[in-house]
Amino acid sequence: MTGCAKFFIFLIIAAPLAFLGANYVNHGDPFAGIPSLSGSSSDSSGEAVDNTDTQSLEKRIRDLEKELQECRDKLPTE
């Protein structure tokens, strides 16, 4: 077996292990960065996004924006 073939076999084994190790160090869940093969949409962290969760989050954002505006209105202006 040539040195080049040994190097490629090493990369086939070492690269995925390095990827999983880096995900573990950064996020705690090493498999969170692996894209889903199911075809569902995913967010930037690689987790599947549920439409009902998205709608509730959008509603929460709108509520918080209204609350923020109310707080800004209560601040004294100079």
PDB file of N, CA and C in Angstrom:
ATOM      1  N   MET A   1       0.856  -1.170   0.000  1.00  0.00           N
ATOM      2  CA  MET A   1       0.000   0.000   0.000  1.00  0.00           C
ATOM      3  C   MET A   1       0.905   1.237   0.000  1.00  0.00           C
ATOM      4  N   THR A   2       0.588   2.177  -0.861  1.00  0.00           N
ATOM      5  CA  THR A   2       1.434   3.365  -0.997  1.00  0.00           C
ATOM      6  C   THR A   2       1.156   4.354   0.132  1.00  0.00           C
ATOM      7  N   GLY A   3       2.059   5.273   0.294  1.00  0.00           N
ATOM      8  CA  GLY A   3       1.901   6.301   1.316  1.00  0.00           C
ATOM      9  C   GLY A   3       0.703   7.192   1.048  1.00  0.00           C
ATOM     10  N   CYS A   4       0.430   7.436  -0.216  1.00  0.00           N
ATOM     11  CA  CYS A   4      -0.722   8.265  -0.585  1.00  0.00           C
ATOM     12  C   CYS A   4      -2.027   7.568  -0.204  1.00  0.00           C
ATOM     13  N   ALA A   5      -2.122   6.283  -0.461  1.00  0.00           N
ATOM     14  CA  ALA A   5      -3.328   5.526  -0.109  1.00  0.00           C
ATOM     15  C   ALA A   5      -3.519   5.498   1.402  1.00  0.00           C
ATOM     16  N   LYS A   6      -2.437   5.328   2.153  1.00  0.00           N
ATOM     17  CA  LYS A   6      -2.517   5.336   3.611  1.00  0.00           C
ATOM     18  C   LYS A   6      -3.014   6.697   4.107  1.00  0.00           C
ATOM     19  N   PHE A   7      -2.538   7.755   3.466  1.00  0.00           N
ATOM     20  CA  PHE A   7      -2.955   9.105   3.847  1.00  0.00           C
ATOM     21  C   PHE A   7      -4.451   9.302   3.601  1.00  0.00           C
ATOM     22  N   PHE A   8      -4.958   8.848   2.454  1.00  0.00           N
ATOM     23  CA  PHE A   8      -6.384   8.991   2.155  1.00  0.00           C
ATOM     24  C   PHE A   8      -7.242   8.166   3.099  1.00  0.00           C
ATOM     25  N   ILE A   9      -6.807   6.977   3.436  1.00  0.00           N
ATOM     26  CA  ILE A   9      -7.555   6.164   4.396  1.00  0.00           C
ATOM     27  C   ILE A   9      -7.566   6.848   5.762  1.00  0.00           C
ATOM     28  N   PHE A  10      -6.433   7.418   6.153  1.00  0.00           N
ATOM     29  CA  PHE A  10      -6.374   8.160   7.407  1.00  0.00           C
ATOM     30  C   PHE A  10      -7.362   9.327   7.385  1.00  0.00           C
ATOM     31  N   LEU A  11      -7.422  10.068   6.269  1.00  0.00           N
ATOM     32  CA  LEU A  11      -8.338  11.202   6.173  1.00  0.00           C
ATOM     33  C   LEU A  11      -9.798  10.758   6.224  1.00  0.00           C
ATOM     34  N   ILE A  12     -10.105   9.610   5.645  1.00  0.00           N
ATOM     35  CA  ILE A  12     -11.479   9.103   5.669  1.00  0.00           C
ATOM     36  C   ILE A  12     -11.911   8.821   7.105  1.00  0.00           C
ATOM     37  N   ILE A  13     -10.991   8.408   7.935  1.00  0.00           N
ATOM     38  CA  ILE A  13     -11.306   8.117   9.335  1.00  0.00           C
ATOM     39  C   ILE A  13     -11.163   9.363  10.203  1.00  0.00           C
ATOM     40  N   ALA A  14     -10.114  10.132  10.018  1.00  0.00           N
ATOM     41  CA  ALA A  14      -9.803  11.247  10.913  1.00  0.00           C
ATOM     42  C   ALA A  14     -10.696  12.467  10.687  1.00  0.00           C
ATOM     43  N   ALA A  15     -11.067  12.757   9.457  1.00  0.00           N
ATOM     44  CA  ALA A  15     -11.856  13.958   9.180  1.00  0.00           C
ATOM     45  C   ALA A  15     -13.224  13.927   9.866  1.00  0.00           C
ATOM     46  N   PRO A  16     -13.995  12.837   9.758  1.00  0.00           N
ATOM     47  CA  PRO A  16     -15.270  12.817  10.481  1.00  0.00           C
ATOM     48  C   PRO A  16     -15.092  12.888  11.999  1.00  0.00           C
ATOM     49  N   LEU A  17     -14.062  12.237  12.519  1.00  0.00           N
ATOM     50  CA  LEU A  17     -13.812  12.299  13.962  1.00  0.00           C
ATOM     51  C   LEU A  17     -13.465  13.717  14.395  1.00  0.00           C
ATOM     52  N   ALA A  18     -12.691  14.422  13.590  1.00  0.00           N
ATOM     53  CA  ALA A  18     -12.356  15.803  13.898  1.00  0.00           C
ATOM     54  C   ALA A  18     -13.600  16.689  13.839  1.00  0.00           C
ATOM     55  N   PHE A  19     -14.461  16.446  12.864  1.00  0.00           N
ATOM     56  CA  PHE A  19     -15.700  17.212  12.733  1.00  0.00           C
ATOM     57  C   PHE A  19     -16.585  17.000  13.958  1.00  0.00           C
ATOM     58  N   LEU A  20     -16.777  15.747  14.367  1.00  0.00           N
ATOM     59  CA  LEU A  20     -17.603  15.456  15.532  1.00  0.00           C
ATOM     60  C   LEU A  20     -16.978  16.035  16.798  1.00  0.00           C
ATOM     61  N   GLY A  21     -15.670  15.960  16.910  1.00  0.00           N
ATOM     62  CA  GLY A  21     -14.999  16.524  18.073  1.00  0.00           C
ATOM     63  C   GLY A  21     -15.158  18.034  18.150  1.00  0.00           C
ATOM     64  N   ALA A  22     -15.049  18.717  17.020  1.00  0.00           N
ATOM     65  CA  ALA A  22     -15.219  20.172  16.997  1.00  0.00           C
ATOM     66  C   ALA A  22     -16.653  20.552  17.351  1.00  0.00           C
ATOM     67  N   ASN A  23     -17.636  19.803  16.852  1.00  0.00           N
ATOM     68  CA  ASN A  23     -19.029  20.074  17.208  1.00  0.00           C
ATOM     69  C   ASN A  23     -19.268  19.848  18.694  1.00  0.00           C
ATOM     70  N   TYR A  24     -18.643  18.823  19.256  1.00  0.00           N
ATOM     71  CA  TYR A  24     -18.791  18.552  20.685  1.00  0.00           C
ATOM     72  C   TYR A  24     -18.225  19.701  21.508  1.00  0.00           C
ATOM     73  N   VAL A  25     -17.070  20.202  21.120  1.00  0.00           N
ATOM     74  CA  VAL A  25     -16.442  21.288  21.859  1.00  0.00           C
ATOM     75  C   VAL A  25     -17.269  22.568  21.743  1.00  0.00           C
ATOM     76  N   ASN A  26     -17.805  22.864  20.564  1.00  0.00           N
ATOM     77  CA  ASN A  26     -18.528  24.116  20.343  1.00  0.00           C
ATOM     78  C   ASN A  26     -19.972  24.084  20.810  1.00  0.00           C
ATOM     79  N   HIS A  27     -20.677  22.981  20.637  1.00  0.00           N
ATOM     80  CA  HIS A  27     -22.112  22.950  20.885  1.00  0.00           C
ATOM     81  C   HIS A  27     -22.534  21.958  21.953  1.00  0.00           C
ATOM     82  N   GLY A  28     -21.718  20.997  22.269  1.00  0.00           N
ATOM     83  CA  GLY A  28     -22.093  19.986  23.248  1.00  0.00           C
ATOM     84  C   GLY A  28     -22.725  18.758  22.626  1.00  0.00           C
ATOM     85  N   ASP A  29     -23.371  18.895  21.489  1.00  0.00           N
ATOM     86  CA  ASP A  29     -23.980  17.758  20.803  1.00  0.00           C
ATOM     87  C   ASP A  29     -23.232  17.545  19.493  1.00  0.00           C
ATOM     88  N   PRO A  30     -22.410  16.496  19.397  1.00  0.00           N
ATOM     89  CA  PRO A  30     -21.585  16.335  18.204  1.00  0.00           C
ATOM     90  C   PRO A  30     -22.381  16.058  16.937  1.00  0.00           C
ATOM     91  N   PHE A  31     -23.597  15.538  17.046  1.00  0.00           N
ATOM     92  CA  PHE A  31     -24.372  15.198  15.856  1.00  0.00           C
ATOM     93  C   PHE A  31     -25.315  16.318  15.430  1.00  0.00           C
ATOM     94  N   ALA A  32     -25.326  17.443  16.149  1.00  0.00           N
ATOM     95  CA  ALA A  32     -26.212  18.556  15.801  1.00  0.00           C
ATOM     96  C   ALA A  32     -25.798  19.228  14.492  1.00  0.00           C
ATOM     97  N   GLY A  33     -24.526  19.165  14.136  1.00  0.00           N
ATOM     98  CA  GLY A  33     -24.058  19.826  12.930  1.00  0.00           C
ATOM     99  C   GLY A  33     -24.222  19.005  11.670  1.00  0.00           C
ATOM    100  N   ILE A  34     -24.616  17.746  11.810  1.00  0.00           N
ATOM    101  CA  ILE A  34     -24.789  16.895  10.640  1.00  0.00           C
ATOM    102  C   ILE A  34     -26.148  17.207  10.013  1.00  0.00           C
ATOM    103  N   PRO A  35     -26.181  17.573   8.743  1.00  0.00           N
ATOM    104  CA  PRO A  35     -27.447  17.921   8.103  1.00  0.00           C
ATOM    105  C   PRO A  35     -28.402  16.736   8.077  1.00  0.00           C
ATOM    106  N   SER A  36     -29.673  17.067   8.191  1.00  0.00           N
ATOM    107  CA  SER A  36     -30.697  16.036   8.175  1.00  0.00           C
ATOM    108  C   SER A  36     -30.882  15.500   6.757  1.00  0.00           C
ATOM    109  N   LEU A  37     -30.991  14.214   6.640  1.00  0.00           N
ATOM    110  CA  LEU A  37     -31.195  13.598   5.334  1.00  0.00           C
ATOM    111  C   LEU A  37     -32.671  13.377   5.036  1.00  0.00           C
ATOM    112  N   SER A  38     -33.543  13.800   5.961  1.00  0.00           N
ATOM    113  CA  SER A  38     -34.966  13.566   5.788  1.00  0.00           C
ATOM    114  C   SER A  38     -35.623  14.559   4.836  1.00  0.00           C
ATOM    115  N   GLY A  39     -34.936  15.637   4.503  1.00  0.00           N
ATOM    116  CA  GLY A  39     -35.492  16.617   3.587  1.00  0.00           C
ATOM    117  C   GLY A  39     -36.256  17.722   4.276  1.00  0.00           C
ATOM    118  N   SER A  40     -36.361  17.693   5.603  1.00  0.00           N
ATOM    119  CA  SER A  40     -37.044  18.769   6.307  1.00  0.00           C
ATOM    120  C   SER A  40     -36.129  19.976   6.372  1.00  0.00           C
ATOM    121  N   SER A  41     -36.745  21.148   6.496  1.00  0.00           N
ATOM    122  CA  SER A  41     -35.935  22.352   6.576  1.00  0.00           C
ATOM    123  C   SER A  41     -35.218  22.388   7.908  1.00  0.00           C
ATOM    124  N   SER A  42     -34.085  23.066   7.917  1.00  0.00           N
ATOM    125  CA  SER A  42     -33.327  23.141   9.162  1.00  0.00           C
ATOM    126  C   SER A  42     -32.809  24.548   9.351  1.00  0.00           C
ATOM    127  N   ASP A  43     -32.569  24.913  10.618  1.00  0.00           N
ATOM    128  CA  ASP A  43     -31.998  26.215  10.909  1.00  0.00           C
ATOM    129  C   ASP A  43     -30.489  26.121  10.914  1.00  0.00           C
ATOM    130  N   SER A  44     -29.831  27.173  11.327  1.00  0.00           N
ATOM    131  CA  SER A  44     -28.380  27.211  11.257  1.00  0.00           C
ATOM    132  C   SER A  44     -27.687  26.216  12.156  1.00  0.00           C
ATOM    133  N   SER A  45     -28.341  25.764  13.209  1.00  0.00           N
ATOM    134  CA  SER A  45     -27.720  24.789  14.093  1.00  0.00           C
ATOM    135  C   SER A  45     -27.920  23.369  13.624  1.00  0.00           C
ATOM    136  N   GLY A  46     -28.661  23.146  12.546  1.00  0.00           N
ATOM    137  CA  GLY A  46     -28.848  21.817  12.006  1.00  0.00           C
ATOM    138  C   GLY A  46     -30.053  21.089  12.557  1.00  0.00           C
ATOM    139  N   GLU A  47     -30.802  21.710  13.458  1.00  0.00           N
ATOM    140  CA  GLU A  47     -31.969  21.060  14.019  1.00  0.00           C
ATOM    141  C   GLU A  47     -33.179  21.331  13.129  1.00  0.00           C
ATOM    142  N   ALA A  48     -34.079  20.356  13.040  1.00  0.00           N
ATOM    143  CA  ALA A  48     -35.272  20.504  12.212  1.00  0.00           C
ATOM    144  C   ALA A  48     -36.162  21.606  12.773  1.00  0.00           C
ATOM    145  N   VAL A  49     -36.771  22.394  11.885  1.00  0.00           N
ATOM    146  CA  VAL A  49     -37.629  23.500  12.282  1.00  0.00           C
ATOM    147  C   VAL A  49     -39.074  23.090  12.087  1.00  0.00           C
ATOM    148  N   ASP A  50     -39.875  23.284  13.099  1.00  0.00           N
ATOM    149  CA  ASP A  50     -41.292  22.986  13.024  1.00  0.00           C
ATOM    150  C   ASP A  50     -42.027  24.289  12.715  1.00  0.00           C
ATOM    151  N   ASN A  51     -42.991  24.248  11.789  1.00  0.00           N
ATOM    152  CA  ASN A  51     -43.702  25.460  11.393  1.00  0.00           C
ATOM    153  C   ASN A  51     -44.477  26.069  12.547  1.00  0.00           C
ATOM    154  N   THR A  52     -45.060  25.247  13.421  1.00  0.00           N
ATOM    155  CA  THR A  52     -45.797  25.797  14.561  1.00  0.00           C
ATOM    156  C   THR A  52     -44.847  26.519  15.510  1.00  0.00           C
ATOM    157  N   ASP A  53     -43.641  26.000  15.680  1.00  0.00           N
ATOM    158  CA  ASP A  53     -42.651  26.686  16.507  1.00  0.00           C
ATOM    159  C   ASP A  53     -42.264  28.009  15.878  1.00  0.00           C
ATOM    160  N   THR A  54     -42.130  28.035  14.570  1.00  0.00           N
ATOM    161  CA  THR A  54     -41.766  29.263  13.874  1.00  0.00           C
ATOM    162  C   THR A  54     -42.852  30.313  14.042  1.00  0.00           C
ATOM    163  N   GLN A  55     -44.103  29.902  13.912  1.00  0.00           N
ATOM    164  CA  GLN A  55     -45.204  30.844  14.068  1.00  0.00           C
ATOM    165  C   GLN A  55     -45.276  31.376  15.491  1.00  0.00           C
ATOM    166  N   SER A  56     -45.075  30.514  16.480  1.00  0.00           N
ATOM    167  CA  SER A  56     -45.133  30.983  17.861  1.00  0.00           C
ATOM    168  C   SER A  56     -43.954  31.903  18.160  1.00  0.00           C
ATOM    169  N   LEU A  57     -42.797  31.623  17.570  1.00  0.00           N
ATOM    170  CA  LEU A  57     -41.652  32.503  17.769  1.00  0.00           C
ATOM    171  C   LEU A  57     -41.881  33.864  17.123  1.00  0.00           C
ATOM    172  N   GLU A  58     -42.498  33.881  15.945  1.00  0.00           N
ATOM    173  CA  GLU A  58     -42.791  35.149  15.287  1.00  0.00           C
ATOM    174  C   GLU A  58     -43.776  35.969  16.104  1.00  0.00           C
ATOM    175  N   LYS A  59     -44.779  35.307  16.692  1.00  0.00           N
ATOM    176  CA  LYS A  59     -45.736  35.996  17.547  1.00  0.00           C
ATOM    177  C   LYS A  59     -45.037  36.546  18.772  1.00  0.00           C
ATOM    178  N   ARG A  60     -44.144  35.775  19.348  1.00  0.00           N
ATOM    179  CA  ARG A  60     -43.391  36.221  20.526  1.00  0.00           C
ATOM    180  C   ARG A  60     -42.531  37.436  20.183  1.00  0.00           C
ATOM    181  N   ILE A  61     -41.926  37.435  19.005  1.00  0.00           N
ATOM    182  CA  ILE A  61     -41.113  38.578  18.572  1.00  0.00           C
ATOM    183  C   ILE A  61     -41.980  39.823  18.442  1.00  0.00           C
ATOM    184  N   ARG A  62     -43.162  39.681  17.828  1.00  0.00           N
ATOM    185  CA  ARG A  62     -44.061  40.831  17.686  1.00  0.00           C
ATOM    186  C   ARG A  62     -44.473  41.368  19.056  1.00  0.00           C
ATOM    187  N   ASP A  63     -44.787  40.468  20.005  1.00  0.00           N
ATOM    188  CA  ASP A  63     -45.175  40.895  21.348  1.00  0.00           C
ATOM    189  C   ASP A  63     -44.037  41.637  22.043  1.00  0.00           C
ATOM    190  N   LEU A  64     -42.823  41.119  21.896  1.00  0.00           N
ATOM    191  CA  LEU A  64     -41.674  41.772  22.522  1.00  0.00           C
ATOM    192  C   LEU A  64     -41.368  43.121  21.881  1.00  0.00           C
ATOM    193  N   GLU A  65     -41.579  43.227  20.562  1.00  0.00           N
ATOM    194  CA  GLU A  65     -41.373  44.519  19.905  1.00  0.00           C
ATOM    195  C   GLU A  65     -42.382  45.552  20.401  1.00  0.00           C
ATOM    196  N   LYS A  66     -43.634  45.129  20.604  1.00  0.00           N
ATOM    197  CA  LYS A  66     -44.646  46.040  21.155  1.00  0.00           C
ATOM    198  C   LYS A  66     -44.276  46.463  22.563  1.00  0.00           C
ATOM    199  N   GLU A  67     -43.832  45.523  23.386  1.00  0.00           N
ATOM    200  CA  GLU A  67     -43.435  45.834  24.755  1.00  0.00           C
ATOM    201  C   GLU A  67     -42.240  46.794  24.769  1.00  0.00           C
ATOM    202  N   LEU A  68     -41.287  46.575  23.877  1.00  0.00           N
ATOM    203  CA  LEU A  68     -40.133  47.453  23.777  1.00  0.00           C
ATOM    204  C   LEU A  68     -40.555  48.866  23.400  1.00  0.00           C
ATOM    205  N   GLN A  69     -41.470  48.985  22.458  1.00  0.00           N
ATOM    206  CA  GLN A  69     -41.941  50.300  22.042  1.00  0.00           C
ATOM    207  C   GLN A  69     -42.662  50.997  23.187  1.00  0.00           C
ATOM    208  N   GLU A  70     -43.452  50.264  23.974  1.00  0.00           N
ATOM    209  CA  GLU A  70     -44.130  50.846  25.121  1.00  0.00           C
ATOM    210  C   GLU A  70     -43.107  51.356  26.144  1.00  0.00           C
ATOM    211  N   CYS A  71     -42.048  50.606  26.366  1.00  0.00           N
ATOM    212  CA  CYS A  71     -41.002  51.030  27.297  1.00  0.00           C
ATOM    213  C   CYS A  71     -40.294  52.274  26.777  1.00  0.00           C
ATOM    214  N   ARG A  72     -40.045  52.321  25.465  1.00  0.00           N
ATOM    215  CA  ARG A  72     -39.402  53.493  24.882  1.00  0.00           C
ATOM    216  C   ARG A  72     -40.299  54.727  25.016  1.00  0.00           C
ATOM    217  N   ASP A  73     -41.611  54.526  24.886  1.00  0.00           N
ATOM    218  CA  ASP A  73     -42.547  55.643  25.007  1.00  0.00           C
ATOM    219  C   ASP A  73     -42.562  56.186  26.442  1.00  0.00           C
ATOM    220  N   LYS A  74     -42.333  55.343  27.414  1.00  0.00           N
ATOM    221  CA  LYS A  74     -42.346  55.772  28.825  1.00  0.00           C
ATOM    222  C   LYS A  74     -41.077  56.521  29.220  1.00  0.00           C
ATOM    223  N   LEU A  75     -39.998  56.363  28.459  1.00  0.00           N
ATOM    224  CA  LEU A  75     -38.748  57.047  28.780  1.00  0.00           C
ATOM    225  C   LEU A  75     -38.906  58.544  28.587  1.00  0.00           C
ATOM    226  N   PRO A  76     -38.328  59.316  29.515  1.00  0.00           N
ATOM    227  CA  PRO A  76     -38.406  60.780  29.339  1.00  0.00           C
ATOM    228  C   PRO A  76     -37.537  61.230  28.166  1.00  0.00           C
ATOM    229  N   THR A  77     -38.046  62.185  27.441  1.00  0.00           N
ATOM    230  CA  THR A  77     -37.286  62.725  26.300  1.00  0.00           C
ATOM    231  C   THR A  77     -36.616  63.996  26.731  1.00  0.00           C
ATOM    232  N   GLU A  78     -35.473  64.265  26.197  1.00  0.00           N
ATOM    233  CA  GLU A  78     -34.711  65.458  26.568  1.00  0.00           C
ATOM    234  C   GLU A  78     -34.902  66.556  25.583  1.00  0.00           C
TER     235      GLU A  78
END
